Amino acid sequence: MITAAIIGASGYSGAELLRLLSGRPDVQVKKVTAHTFAGKKVEELYPVFSGRVGLEYETFSNHLDGVEIAFVSLPSGEAMKIVPQLVSSVGHIIDLSGDFRLQSASLYETYYHQPHSAPSMLGQAVYGLPELFFSSIKSARFVANPGCYATSVILALAPALRHAAVAPDGIVVNSLSGITGAGRTSSTELSFSEINENVRAYKIGTHQHTPEIQSILEQATGKPVSLSFVPHLVPLNRGIYTTIHARLSSPMSESALIELYESYYADAPFVRIKRRIPQIKDVLYTNYCDIGLAVDRRTNDLIIISVIDNLVKGAAGQAVQNMNIMFGIPQEQGLHF
């Protein structure tokens, strides 16, 4: 029995973690923390858990007796204050924020607009993308869960870059995200009347997942990578739809590219290479990443489409997949829907 705590369990990703873990006979969630809702039962905030989860939100304490793994589901900037306290008291940590994905404190400050309070820990976390770093995750004690946009982009580009099928520069990425990606905190710009029947780009050229995407692709492929990334908010609750344009290094057929991708992800149970255009509804509430490929002969571009559920493969589901790997159990356990 794996005993777990969810730090920051009242947010969307924390609640998704509880959804995925609460039905597993091999996992016991012993503690859920949420400063704002301390003293309230989980079912008061999320009635879906009524009769299923008898837990009550607590304030955070680093005394997590009997807890083997802590999931830190706090906003970036808050997680880095908590994680150093957990290192001496919990055997395994998975951080879902962006606080430990980058290895440079100056790069973190540039993109997250605040100094890093635990810079000595930046190089200690293993990047938790199982399809690329399975062996490292297996022996890891501390995992930095990837960003949702980053997951959709890295999985889509890694095979083509690794096998030099596309040029590593001049790559253009556009991603559309459901509103849950912005978290549960309310604001005018995220209100229904602002989001509904609307599409809006934001953080053009400055989004915090940009250096994450670039550095991980360079690490995975051994090549310098240059790309332009533009995120958009769309009126959906959940899901990410990413479209990528990359110049083919030499002419290749779609069937050859599909075979390349299928071979690359042959041992990746949650990546599906589609022979049609993927759509968000095919991956909702699942841990799958669906990837579709098309060649534009006129421009010699490879067009890659990648879709995930931002709260599952983009957050909580990937965290559970990482937990499974860290504890030496099948990575699919508890994640088949």
C-alpha atoms as a PDB file:
ATOM      1  CA  MET A   1       0.000   0.000   0.000  1.00  0.00           C
ATOM      2  CA  ILE A   2       1.429   3.372  -1.086  1.00  0.00           C
ATOM      3  CA  THR A   3       0.609   6.168   1.342  1.00  0.00           C
ATOM      4  CA  ALA A   4       0.296   9.641  -0.149  1.00  0.00           C
ATOM      5  CA  ALA A   5      -0.329  13.282   0.695  1.00  0.00           C
ATOM      6  CA  ILE A   6      -1.618  15.934  -1.696  1.00  0.00           C
ATOM      7  CA  ILE A   7      -0.295  19.391  -0.835  1.00  0.00           C
ATOM      8  CA  GLY A   8      -2.624  21.935  -2.415  1.00  0.00           C
ATOM      9  CA  ALA A   9      -5.527  19.546  -2.917  1.00  0.00           C
ATOM     10  CA  SER A  10      -8.275  22.112  -3.446  1.00  0.00           C
ATOM     11  CA  GLY A  11      -7.154  23.241  -6.913  1.00  0.00           C
ATOM     12  CA  TYR A  12      -8.109  21.564 -10.164  1.00  0.00           C
ATOM     13  CA  SER A  13      -4.935  19.469 -10.438  1.00  0.00           C
ATOM     14  CA  GLY A  14      -5.080  18.497  -6.760  1.00  0.00           C
ATOM     15  CA  ALA A  15      -8.713  17.427  -7.087  1.00  0.00           C
ATOM     16  CA  GLU A  16      -7.834  15.457 -10.225  1.00  0.00           C
ATOM     17  CA  LEU A  17      -5.079  13.687  -8.305  1.00  0.00           C
ATOM     18  CA  LEU A  18      -7.567  12.768  -5.606  1.00  0.00           C
ATOM     19  CA  ARG A  19      -9.981  11.473  -8.269  1.00  0.00           C
ATOM     20  CA  LEU A  20      -7.303   9.229  -9.757  1.00  0.00           C
ATOM     21  CA  LEU A  21      -5.895   7.956  -6.462  1.00  0.00           C
ATOM     22  CA  SER A  22      -9.033   7.571  -4.351  1.00  0.00           C
ATOM     23  CA  GLY A  23     -10.315   4.588  -6.331  1.00  0.00           C
ATOM     24  CA  ARG A  24      -7.081   2.599  -6.130  1.00  0.00           C
ATOM     25  CA  PRO A  25      -6.853  -0.290  -3.665  1.00  0.00           C
ATOM     26  CA  ASP A  26      -3.046   0.001  -3.642  1.00  0.00           C
ATOM     27  CA  VAL A  27      -2.937   3.689  -2.645  1.00  0.00           C
ATOM     28  CA  GLN A  28      -4.106   5.436   0.504  1.00  0.00           C
ATOM     29  CA  VAL A  29      -4.327   9.219   0.481  1.00  0.00           C
ATOM     30  CA  LYS A  30      -3.664  10.054   4.121  1.00  0.00           C
ATOM     31  CA  LYS A  31      -3.572  13.849   3.997  1.00  0.00           C
ATOM     32  CA  VAL A  32      -4.912  16.632   1.810  1.00  0.00           C
ATOM     33  CA  THR A  33      -3.899  20.216   2.519  1.00  0.00           C
ATOM     34  CA  ALA A  34      -5.461  23.503   1.435  1.00  0.00           C
ATOM     35  CA  HIS A  35      -4.784  26.625   3.466  1.00  0.00           C
ATOM     36  CA  THR A  36      -7.928  28.504   2.399  1.00  0.00           C
ATOM     37  CA  PHE A  37     -10.262  25.571   3.039  1.00  0.00           C
ATOM     38  CA  ALA A  38      -8.609  24.075   6.138  1.00  0.00           C
ATOM     39  CA  GLY A  39     -11.241  22.466   8.349  1.00  0.00           C
ATOM     40  CA  LYS A  40     -13.660  21.810   5.490  1.00  0.00           C
ATOM     41  CA  LYS A  41     -14.410  18.346   4.185  1.00  0.00           C
ATOM     42  CA  VAL A  42     -13.352  17.612   0.636  1.00  0.00           C
ATOM     43  CA  GLU A  43     -16.956  16.843  -0.338  1.00  0.00           C
ATOM     44  CA  GLU A  44     -18.020  20.343   0.700  1.00  0.00           C
ATOM     45  CA  LEU A  45     -15.847  21.795  -2.045  1.00  0.00           C
ATOM     46  CA  TYR A  46     -16.208  18.914  -4.508  1.00  0.00           C
ATOM     47  CA  PRO A  47     -19.534  17.101  -3.966  1.00  0.00           C
ATOM     48  CA  VAL A  48     -18.467  14.436  -6.454  1.00  0.00           C
ATOM     49  CA  PHE A  49     -16.381  12.926  -3.637  1.00  0.00           C
ATOM     50  CA  SER A  50     -19.367  12.549  -1.320  1.00  0.00           C
ATOM     51  CA  GLY A  51     -19.448   8.994   0.035  1.00  0.00           C
ATOM     52  CA  ARG A  52     -16.084   8.226  -1.564  1.00  0.00           C
ATOM     53  CA  VAL A  53     -13.561  10.348   0.315  1.00  0.00           C
ATOM     54  CA  GLY A  54     -13.875  11.116   4.020  1.00  0.00           C
ATOM     55  CA  LEU A  55     -10.879  13.444   4.155  1.00  0.00           C
ATOM     56  CA  GLU A  56     -10.764  16.966   5.549  1.00  0.00           C
ATOM     57  CA  TYR A  57      -8.479  19.704   4.263  1.00  0.00           C
ATOM     58  CA  GLU A  58      -5.665  20.611   6.666  1.00  0.00           C
ATOM     59  CA  THR A  59      -3.101  23.372   6.850  1.00  0.00           C
ATOM     60  CA  PHE A  60       0.326  22.318   5.612  1.00  0.00           C
ATOM     61  CA  SER A  61       2.776  20.706   8.011  1.00  0.00           C
ATOM     62  CA  ASN A  62       6.029  19.069   7.041  1.00  0.00           C
ATOM     63  CA  HIS A  63       5.340  16.373   9.642  1.00  0.00           C
ATOM     64  CA  LEU A  64       3.872  13.786   7.300  1.00  0.00           C
ATOM     65  CA  ASP A  65       4.270  10.685   9.405  1.00  0.00           C
ATOM     66  CA  GLY A  66       3.625   7.489   7.479  1.00  0.00           C
ATOM     67  CA  VAL A  67       3.486   9.250   4.088  1.00  0.00           C
ATOM     68  CA  GLU A  68       5.690   7.746   1.385  1.00  0.00           C
ATOM     69  CA  ILE A  69       5.003  10.222  -1.419  1.00  0.00           C
ATOM     70  CA  ALA A  70       3.936  13.861  -1.429  1.00  0.00           C
ATOM     71  CA  PHE A  71       2.343  15.450  -4.470  1.00  0.00           C
ATOM     72  CA  VAL A  72       2.889  19.212  -4.399  1.00  0.00           C
ATOM     73  CA  SER A  73       0.066  20.805  -6.361  1.00  0.00           C
ATOM     74  CA  LEU A  74       0.682  24.450  -5.515  1.00  0.00           C
ATOM     75  CA  PRO A  75       1.090  27.478  -7.787  1.00  0.00           C
ATOM     76  CA  SER A  76       4.576  28.294  -9.026  1.00  0.00           C
ATOM     77  CA  GLY A  77       6.267  30.453  -6.430  1.00  0.00           C
ATOM     78  CA  GLU A  78       4.576  28.619  -3.567  1.00  0.00           C
ATOM     79  CA  ALA A  79       5.921  25.124  -4.236  1.00  0.00           C
ATOM     80  CA  MET A  80       9.554  26.182  -3.892  1.00  0.00           C
ATOM     81  CA  LYS A  81       8.817  27.270  -0.303  1.00  0.00           C
ATOM     82  CA  ILE A  82       7.373  23.853   0.568  1.00  0.00           C
ATOM     83  CA  VAL A  83       9.529  21.306  -1.257  1.00  0.00           C
ATOM     84  CA  PRO A  84      12.754  21.936   0.744  1.00  0.00           C
ATOM     85  CA  GLN A  85      10.779  21.213   3.925  1.00  0.00           C
ATOM     86  CA  LEU A  86       9.594  17.876   2.557  1.00  0.00           C
ATOM     87  CA  VAL A  87      12.963  16.485   1.525  1.00  0.00           C
ATOM     88  CA  SER A  88      13.893  15.287   5.007  1.00  0.00           C
ATOM     89  CA  SER A  89      10.474  13.856   5.889  1.00  0.00           C
ATOM     90  CA  VAL A  90       9.088  12.188   2.726  1.00  0.00           C
ATOM     91  CA  GLY A  91      10.744   9.501   0.636  1.00  0.00           C
ATOM     92  CA  HIS A  92       9.344  10.635  -2.723  1.00  0.00           C
ATOM     93  CA  ILE A  93       8.172  14.032  -3.993  1.00  0.00           C
ATOM     94  CA  ILE A  94       6.404  14.960  -7.222  1.00  0.00           C
ATOM     95  CA  ASP A  95       6.064  18.700  -7.814  1.00  0.00           C
ATOM     96  CA  LEU A  96       3.367  19.753 -10.271  1.00  0.00           C
ATOM     97  CA  SER A  97       4.367  23.429 -10.319  1.00  0.00           C
ATOM     98  CA  GLY A  98       6.977  24.991 -12.585  1.00  0.00           C
ATOM     99  CA  ASP A  99       9.374  25.764  -9.758  1.00  0.00           C
ATOM    100  CA  PHE A 100      11.856  22.944 -10.408  1.00  0.00           C
ATOM    101  CA  ARG A 101      11.560  22.298 -14.156  1.00  0.00           C
ATOM    102  CA  LEU A 102      14.317  24.726 -15.148  1.00  0.00           C
ATOM    103  CA  GLN A 103      17.916  24.304 -14.016  1.00  0.00           C
ATOM    104  CA  SER A 104      18.863  27.994 -14.146  1.00  0.00           C
ATOM    105  CA  ALA A 105      17.800  30.388 -11.382  1.00  0.00           C
ATOM    106  CA  SER A 106      18.238  33.390 -13.694  1.00  0.00           C
ATOM    107  CA  LEU A 107      16.109  31.767 -16.405  1.00  0.00           C
ATOM    108  CA  TYR A 108      13.460  30.998 -13.793  1.00  0.00           C
ATOM    109  CA  GLU A 109      13.440  34.614 -12.643  1.00  0.00           C
ATOM    110  CA  THR A 110      13.157  35.861 -16.246  1.00  0.00           C
ATOM    111  CA  TYR A 111      10.115  33.744 -17.095  1.00  0.00           C
ATOM    112  CA  TYR A 112       8.409  33.443 -13.700  1.00  0.00           C
ATOM    113  CA  HIS A 113       9.104  37.061 -12.682  1.00  0.00           C
ATOM    114  CA  GLN A 114      10.376  36.291  -9.195  1.00  0.00           C
ATOM    115  CA  PRO A 115      13.654  35.082  -7.680  1.00  0.00           C
ATOM    116  CA  HIS A 116      13.962  31.401  -6.870  1.00  0.00           C
ATOM    117  CA  SER A 117      14.070  30.754  -3.125  1.00  0.00           C
ATOM    118  CA  ALA A 118      15.684  27.291  -3.394  1.00  0.00           C
ATOM    119  CA  PRO A 119      18.200  27.562  -6.254  1.00  0.00           C
ATOM    120  CA  SER A 120      20.386  24.774  -4.860  1.00  0.00           C
ATOM    121  CA  MET A 121      17.577  22.301  -5.575  1.00  0.00           C
ATOM    122  CA  LEU A 122      17.088  23.218  -9.238  1.00  0.00           C
ATOM    123  CA  GLY A 123      19.387  20.500 -10.528  1.00  0.00           C
ATOM    124  CA  GLN A 124      18.082  17.813  -8.185  1.00  0.00           C
ATOM    125  CA  ALA A 125      14.717  17.126  -9.808  1.00  0.00           C
ATOM    126  CA  VAL A 126      14.280  14.590 -12.595  1.00  0.00           C
ATOM    127  CA  TYR A 127      12.064  15.889 -15.396  1.00  0.00           C
ATOM    128  CA  GLY A 128       8.988  13.682 -15.237  1.00  0.00           C
ATOM    129  CA  LEU A 129       8.154  12.937 -18.858  1.00  0.00           C
ATOM    130  CA  PRO A 130       8.057   9.115 -18.813  1.00  0.00           C
ATOM    131  CA  GLU A 131       8.223   8.671 -22.582  1.00  0.00           C
ATOM    132  CA  LEU A 132      11.662  10.327 -22.647  1.00  0.00           C
ATOM    133  CA  PHE A 133      13.127   9.837 -19.160  1.00  0.00           C
ATOM    134  CA  PHE A 134      11.722   6.542 -17.867  1.00  0.00           C
ATOM    135  CA  SER A 135      15.018   5.207 -16.466  1.00  0.00           C
ATOM    136  CA  SER A 136      15.816   8.416 -14.597  1.00  0.00           C
ATOM    137  CA  ILE A 137      12.310   8.604 -13.126  1.00  0.00           C
ATOM    138  CA  LYS A 138      12.537   4.974 -11.987  1.00  0.00           C
ATOM    139  CA  SER A 139      15.408   5.760  -9.637  1.00  0.00           C
ATOM    140  CA  ALA A 140      14.318   9.288  -8.729  1.00  0.00           C
ATOM    141  CA  ARG A 141      13.335  10.564  -5.339  1.00  0.00           C
ATOM    142  CA  PHE A 142      12.250  14.023  -6.579  1.00  0.00           C
ATOM    143  CA  VAL A 143      10.392  14.546  -9.860  1.00  0.00           C
ATOM    144  CA  ALA A 144       9.388  17.811 -11.517  1.00  0.00           C
ATOM    145  CA  ASN A 145       6.147  17.110 -13.354  1.00  0.00           C
ATOM    146  CA  PRO A 146       6.132  18.715 -16.838  1.00  0.00           C
ATOM    147  CA  GLY A 147       3.953  21.640 -17.832  1.00  0.00           C
ATOM    148  CA  CYS A 148       0.786  20.883 -19.774  1.00  0.00           C
ATOM    149  CA  TYR A 149       1.749  22.854 -22.885  1.00  0.00           C
ATOM    150  CA  ALA A 150       5.278  21.447 -22.664  1.00  0.00           C
ATOM    151  CA  THR A 151       3.979  17.868 -22.580  1.00  0.00           C
ATOM    152  CA  SER A 152       1.943  18.340 -25.746  1.00  0.00           C
ATOM    153  CA  VAL A 153       4.791  20.028 -27.629  1.00  0.00           C
ATOM    154  CA  ILE A 154       7.727  17.874 -26.519  1.00  0.00           C
ATOM    155  CA  LEU A 155       5.962  14.586 -27.242  1.00  0.00           C
ATOM    156  CA  ALA A 156       4.951  15.893 -30.663  1.00  0.00           C
ATOM    157  CA  LEU A 157       8.431  17.053 -31.699  1.00  0.00           C
ATOM    158  CA  ALA A 158      10.863  14.651 -30.016  1.00  0.00           C
ATOM    159  CA  PRO A 159      10.776  11.806 -32.588  1.00  0.00           C
ATOM    160  CA  ALA A 160      11.155  14.086 -35.614  1.00  0.00           C
ATOM    161  CA  LEU A 161      14.014  16.046 -34.026  1.00  0.00           C
ATOM    162  CA  ARG A 162      15.749  12.960 -32.642  1.00  0.00           C
ATOM    163  CA  HIS A 163      15.849  11.363 -36.089  1.00  0.00           C
ATOM    164  CA  ALA A 164      16.659  14.641 -37.910  1.00  0.00           C
ATOM    165  CA  ALA A 165      13.462  14.423 -39.921  1.00  0.00           C
ATOM    166  CA  VAL A 166      12.898  18.165 -39.421  1.00  0.00           C
ATOM    167  CA  ALA A 167      15.125  21.212 -39.073  1.00  0.00           C
ATOM    168  CA  PRO A 168      15.725  22.149 -35.415  1.00  0.00           C
ATOM    169  CA  ASP A 169      15.113  25.845 -36.064  1.00  0.00           C
ATOM    170  CA  GLY A 170      12.236  27.880 -37.476  1.00  0.00           C
ATOM    171  CA  ILE A 171       9.661  25.698 -35.673  1.00  0.00           C
ATOM    172  CA  VAL A 172       6.292  27.352 -35.099  1.00  0.00           C
ATOM    173  CA  VAL A 173       4.011  26.133 -32.293  1.00  0.00           C
ATOM    174  CA  ASN A 174       0.451  27.245 -31.582  1.00  0.00           C
ATOM    175  CA  SER A 175      -1.409  25.725 -28.621  1.00  0.00           C
ATOM    176  CA  LEU A 176      -5.032  26.144 -27.553  1.00  0.00           C
ATOM    177  CA  SER A 177      -5.874  25.485 -23.904  1.00  0.00           C
ATOM    178  CA  GLY A 178      -9.035  25.049 -21.898  1.00  0.00           C
ATOM    179  CA  ILE A 179      -9.550  27.477 -19.040  1.00  0.00           C
ATOM    180  CA  THR A 180      -8.709  25.030 -16.227  1.00  0.00           C
ATOM    181  CA  GLY A 181      -5.078  25.435 -17.255  1.00  0.00           C
ATOM    182  CA  ALA A 182      -5.167  28.857 -15.598  1.00  0.00           C
ATOM    183  CA  GLY A 183      -6.050  27.351 -12.216  1.00  0.00           C
ATOM    184  CA  ARG A 184      -9.001  27.796  -9.877  1.00  0.00           C
ATOM    185  CA  THR A 185      -8.296  31.357  -8.747  1.00  0.00           C
ATOM    186  CA  SER A 186     -10.924  33.762 -10.086  1.00  0.00           C
ATOM    187  CA  SER A 187     -10.233  36.929 -12.087  1.00  0.00           C
ATOM    188  CA  THR A 188     -12.158  39.164 -14.465  1.00  0.00           C
ATOM    189  CA  GLU A 189     -10.218  38.061 -17.536  1.00  0.00           C
ATOM    190  CA  LEU A 190     -10.966  34.410 -16.748  1.00  0.00           C
ATOM    191  CA  SER A 191     -14.669  34.930 -16.070  1.00  0.00           C
ATOM    192  CA  PHE A 192     -17.346  33.254 -18.179  1.00  0.00           C
ATOM    193  CA  SER A 193     -18.359  36.455 -19.963  1.00  0.00           C
ATOM    194  CA  GLU A 194     -14.750  37.130 -21.017  1.00  0.00           C
ATOM    195  CA  ILE A 195     -13.892  33.580 -22.106  1.00  0.00           C
ATOM    196  CA  ASN A 196     -17.158  32.357 -23.642  1.00  0.00           C
ATOM    197  CA  GLU A 197     -17.379  32.682 -27.446  1.00  0.00           C
ATOM    198  CA  ASN A 198     -13.869  34.048 -27.518  1.00  0.00           C
ATOM    199  CA  VAL A 199     -10.299  33.029 -28.398  1.00  0.00           C
ATOM    200  CA  ARG A 200      -7.337  34.969 -27.065  1.00  0.00           C
ATOM    201  CA  ALA A 201      -3.576  34.600 -27.442  1.00  0.00           C
ATOM    202  CA  TYR A 202      -1.460  35.560 -24.446  1.00  0.00           C
ATOM    203  CA  LYS A 203       2.161  35.735 -23.245  1.00  0.00           C
ATOM    204  CA  ILE A 204       3.418  35.756 -26.835  1.00  0.00           C
ATOM    205  CA  GLY A 205       7.120  34.941 -26.721  1.00  0.00           C
ATOM    206  CA  THR A 206       7.214  35.143 -22.922  1.00  0.00           C
ATOM    207  CA  HIS A 207       5.298  32.095 -21.698  1.00  0.00           C
ATOM    208  CA  GLN A 208       7.104  30.180 -18.945  1.00  0.00           C
ATOM    209  CA  HIS A 209       6.803  26.874 -20.787  1.00  0.00           C
ATOM    210  CA  THR A 210       8.938  28.169 -23.681  1.00  0.00           C
ATOM    211  CA  PRO A 211      12.364  27.618 -22.036  1.00  0.00           C
ATOM    212  CA  GLU A 212      11.085  24.335 -20.593  1.00  0.00           C
ATOM    213  CA  ILE A 213      10.123  23.064 -24.044  1.00  0.00           C
ATOM    214  CA  GLN A 214      13.355  24.202 -25.647  1.00  0.00           C
ATOM    215  CA  SER A 215      15.718  22.910 -22.952  1.00  0.00           C
ATOM    216  CA  ILE A 216      14.068  19.480 -22.698  1.00  0.00           C
ATOM    217  CA  LEU A 217      13.999  19.012 -26.466  1.00  0.00           C
ATOM    218  CA  GLU A 218      17.686  19.920 -26.592  1.00  0.00           C
ATOM    219  CA  GLN A 219      18.436  17.487 -23.768  1.00  0.00           C
ATOM    220  CA  ALA A 220      16.442  14.686 -25.416  1.00  0.00           C
ATOM    221  CA  THR A 221      17.753  15.178 -28.946  1.00  0.00           C
ATOM    222  CA  GLY A 222      21.260  16.499 -28.381  1.00  0.00           C
ATOM    223  CA  LYS A 223      20.658  19.394 -30.767  1.00  0.00           C
ATOM    224  CA  PRO A 224      20.102  23.138 -30.318  1.00  0.00           C
ATOM    225  CA  VAL A 225      16.421  23.889 -30.889  1.00  0.00           C
ATOM    226  CA  SER A 226      14.772  27.177 -31.790  1.00  0.00           C
ATOM    227  CA  LEU A 227      10.997  27.590 -31.809  1.00  0.00           C
ATOM    228  CA  SER A 228       8.257  30.180 -31.537  1.00  0.00           C
ATOM    229  CA  PHE A 229       5.482  29.312 -29.081  1.00  0.00           C
ATOM    230  CA  VAL A 230       2.123  31.084 -28.881  1.00  0.00           C
ATOM    231  CA  PRO A 231      -0.488  29.877 -26.340  1.00  0.00           C
ATOM    232  CA  HIS A 232      -4.201  30.667 -26.607  1.00  0.00           C
ATOM    233  CA  LEU A 233      -7.173  30.432 -24.252  1.00  0.00           C
ATOM    234  CA  VAL A 234     -10.323  28.921 -25.742  1.00  0.00           C
ATOM    235  CA  PRO A 235     -13.815  28.433 -24.220  1.00  0.00           C
ATOM    236  CA  LEU A 236     -13.308  24.829 -23.083  1.00  0.00           C
ATOM    237  CA  ASN A 237     -13.081  23.496 -19.558  1.00  0.00           C
ATOM    238  CA  ARG A 238     -10.154  21.204 -20.288  1.00  0.00           C
ATOM    239  CA  GLY A 239      -7.896  20.025 -23.085  1.00  0.00           C
ATOM    240  CA  ILE A 240      -4.904  21.243 -25.096  1.00  0.00           C
ATOM    241  CA  TYR A 241      -4.760  21.296 -28.895  1.00  0.00           C
ATOM    242  CA  THR A 242      -1.278  21.934 -30.301  1.00  0.00           C
ATOM    243  CA  THR A 243      -0.406  22.532 -33.944  1.00  0.00           C
ATOM    244  CA  ILE A 244       3.250  22.561 -34.999  1.00  0.00           C
ATOM    245  CA  HIS A 245       4.910  23.531 -38.293  1.00  0.00           C
ATOM    246  CA  ALA A 246       8.458  22.235 -38.848  1.00  0.00           C
ATOM    247  CA  ARG A 247      10.487  22.176 -42.082  1.00  0.00           C
ATOM    248  CA  LEU A 248      11.299  18.665 -43.325  1.00  0.00           C
ATOM    249  CA  SER A 249      15.046  18.041 -43.654  1.00  0.00           C
ATOM    250  CA  SER A 250      14.408  15.887 -46.724  1.00  0.00           C
ATOM    251  CA  PRO A 251      11.264  14.663 -48.475  1.00  0.00           C
ATOM    252  CA  MET A 252       9.405  12.004 -46.454  1.00  0.00           C
ATOM    253  CA  SER A 253       5.993  10.453 -46.916  1.00  0.00           C
ATOM    254  CA  GLU A 254       3.334  10.621 -44.247  1.00  0.00           C
ATOM    255  CA  SER A 255       3.386   6.835 -43.946  1.00  0.00           C
ATOM    256  CA  ALA A 256       7.165   6.849 -43.334  1.00  0.00           C
ATOM    257  CA  LEU A 257       6.768   9.532 -40.684  1.00  0.00           C
ATOM    258  CA  ILE A 258       3.965   7.605 -38.997  1.00  0.00           C
ATOM    259  CA  GLU A 259       6.190   4.510 -38.897  1.00  0.00           C
ATOM    260  CA  LEU A 260       8.998   6.600 -37.383  1.00  0.00           C
ATOM    261  CA  TYR A 261       6.680   7.884 -34.634  1.00  0.00           C
ATOM    262  CA  GLU A 262       5.144   4.474 -33.969  1.00  0.00           C
ATOM    263  CA  SER A 263       8.600   2.969 -33.577  1.00  0.00           C
ATOM    264  CA  TYR A 264       9.770   5.783 -31.289  1.00  0.00           C
ATOM    265  CA  TYR A 265       6.757   5.367 -29.000  1.00  0.00           C
ATOM    266  CA  ALA A 266       6.469   1.571 -29.263  1.00  0.00           C
ATOM    267  CA  ASP A 267       6.919   1.210 -25.491  1.00  0.00           C
ATOM    268  CA  ALA A 268       4.873   4.278 -24.547  1.00  0.00           C
ATOM    269  CA  PRO A 269       1.376   3.111 -23.570  1.00  0.00           C
ATOM    270  CA  PHE A 270      -0.087   6.603 -23.388  1.00  0.00           C
ATOM    271  CA  VAL A 271       1.031   7.958 -26.762  1.00  0.00           C
ATOM    272  CA  ARG A 272      -1.193   7.081 -29.701  1.00  0.00           C
ATOM    273  CA  ILE A 273      -0.159   7.894 -33.267  1.00  0.00           C
ATOM    274  CA  LYS A 274      -3.332   8.573 -35.229  1.00  0.00           C
ATOM    275  CA  ARG A 275      -3.935   8.118 -38.934  1.00  0.00           C
ATOM    276  CA  ARG A 276      -6.511  10.890 -38.840  1.00  0.00           C
ATOM    277  CA  ILE A 277      -6.611  14.395 -37.382  1.00  0.00           C
ATOM    278  CA  PRO A 278      -6.751  14.146 -33.566  1.00  0.00           C
ATOM    279  CA  GLN A 279      -9.410  15.930 -31.546  1.00  0.00           C
ATOM    280  CA  ILE A 280      -9.645  16.919 -27.907  1.00  0.00           C
ATOM    281  CA  LYS A 281     -12.781  14.897 -27.155  1.00  0.00           C
ATOM    282  CA  ASP A 282     -10.835  11.674 -27.812  1.00  0.00           C
ATOM    283  CA  VAL A 283      -8.517  12.276 -24.830  1.00  0.00           C
ATOM    284  CA  LEU A 284     -10.736  13.992 -22.246  1.00  0.00           C
ATOM    285  CA  TYR A 285     -10.401  12.494 -18.741  1.00  0.00           C
ATOM    286  CA  THR A 286      -7.631  10.175 -20.009  1.00  0.00           C
ATOM    287  CA  ASN A 287      -3.849  10.093 -19.771  1.00  0.00           C
ATOM    288  CA  TYR A 288      -3.398   9.751 -23.529  1.00  0.00           C
ATOM    289  CA  CYS A 289      -1.532  12.029 -25.893  1.00  0.00           C
ATOM    290  CA  ASP A 290      -2.833  11.602 -29.452  1.00  0.00           C
ATOM    291  CA  ILE A 291      -0.524  12.715 -32.260  1.00  0.00           C
ATOM    292  CA  GLY A 292      -1.391  13.205 -35.919  1.00  0.00           C
ATOM    293  CA  LEU A 293       0.999  13.922 -38.806  1.00  0.00           C
ATOM    294  CA  ALA A 294       0.552  15.566 -42.198  1.00  0.00           C
ATOM    295  CA  VAL A 295       2.966  16.774 -44.883  1.00  0.00           C
ATOM    296  CA  ASP A 296       2.372  20.032 -46.751  1.00  0.00           C
ATOM    297  CA  ARG A 297       4.100  19.294 -50.066  1.00  0.00           C
ATOM    298  CA  ARG A 298       3.819  22.904 -51.217  1.00  0.00           C
ATOM    299  CA  THR A 299       5.957  24.235 -48.361  1.00  0.00           C
ATOM    300  CA  ASN A 300       7.819  21.009 -47.460  1.00  0.00           C
ATOM    301  CA  ASP A 301       6.498  21.344 -43.892  1.00  0.00           C
ATOM    302  CA  LEU A 302       5.648  18.616 -41.439  1.00  0.00           C
ATOM    303  CA  ILE A 303       2.484  19.573 -39.574  1.00  0.00           C
ATOM    304  CA  ILE A 304       2.093  17.832 -36.224  1.00  0.00           C
ATOM    305  CA  ILE A 305      -1.089  17.931 -34.167  1.00  0.00           C
ATOM    306  CA  SER A 306      -0.989  16.873 -30.534  1.00  0.00           C
ATOM    307  CA  VAL A 307      -3.909  16.689 -28.084  1.00  0.00           C
ATOM    308  CA  ILE A 308      -4.012  15.995 -24.345  1.00  0.00           C
ATOM    309  CA  ASP A 309      -6.242  16.587 -21.351  1.00  0.00           C
ATOM    310  CA  ASN A 310      -4.354  19.342 -19.520  1.00  0.00           C
ATOM    311  CA  LEU A 311      -5.487  18.091 -16.087  1.00  0.00           C
ATOM    312  CA  VAL A 312      -4.607  14.441 -16.707  1.00  0.00           C
ATOM    313  CA  LYS A 313      -1.644  13.861 -19.057  1.00  0.00           C
ATOM    314  CA  GLY A 314      -0.811  17.536 -18.576  1.00  0.00           C
ATOM    315  CA  ALA A 315      -0.803  17.344 -14.763  1.00  0.00           C
ATOM    316  CA  ALA A 316      -2.353  14.794 -12.363  1.00  0.00           C
ATOM    317  CA  GLY A 317      -2.375  11.741 -14.643  1.00  0.00           C
ATOM    318  CA  GLN A 318       1.256  12.223 -15.568  1.00  0.00           C
ATOM    319  CA  ALA A 319       2.078  12.627 -11.866  1.00  0.00           C
ATOM    320  CA  VAL A 320       0.380   9.291 -11.133  1.00  0.00           C
ATOM    321  CA  GLN A 321       2.216   7.703 -14.061  1.00  0.00           C
ATOM    322  CA  ASN A 322       5.472   8.983 -12.539  1.00  0.00           C
ATOM    323  CA  MET A 323       4.500   7.638  -9.114  1.00  0.00           C
ATOM    324  CA  ASN A 324       3.875   4.201 -10.614  1.00  0.00           C
ATOM    325  CA  ILE A 325       7.305   4.209 -12.241  1.00  0.00           C
ATOM    326  CA  MET A 326       9.031   5.408  -9.059  1.00  0.00           C
ATOM    327  CA  PHE A 327       7.443   2.577  -7.057  1.00  0.00           C
ATOM    328  CA  GLY A 328       8.208  -0.085  -9.666  1.00  0.00           C
ATOM    329  CA  ILE A 329       4.625  -0.894 -10.635  1.00  0.00           C
ATOM    330  CA  PRO A 330       3.135  -0.856 -14.155  1.00  0.00           C
ATOM    331  CA  GLN A 331       2.955   2.735 -15.342  1.00  0.00           C
ATOM    332  CA  GLU A 332      -0.596   2.186 -16.616  1.00  0.00           C
ATOM    333  CA  GLN A 333      -1.924   1.158 -13.187  1.00  0.00           C
ATOM    334  CA  GLY A 334      -4.946   3.231 -12.194  1.00  0.00           C
ATOM    335  CA  LEU A 335      -4.851   5.156 -15.464  1.00  0.00           C
ATOM    336  CA  HIS A 336      -6.946   3.037 -17.822  1.00  0.00           C
ATOM    337  CA  PHE A 337     -10.329   4.591 -18.446  1.00  0.00           C
END
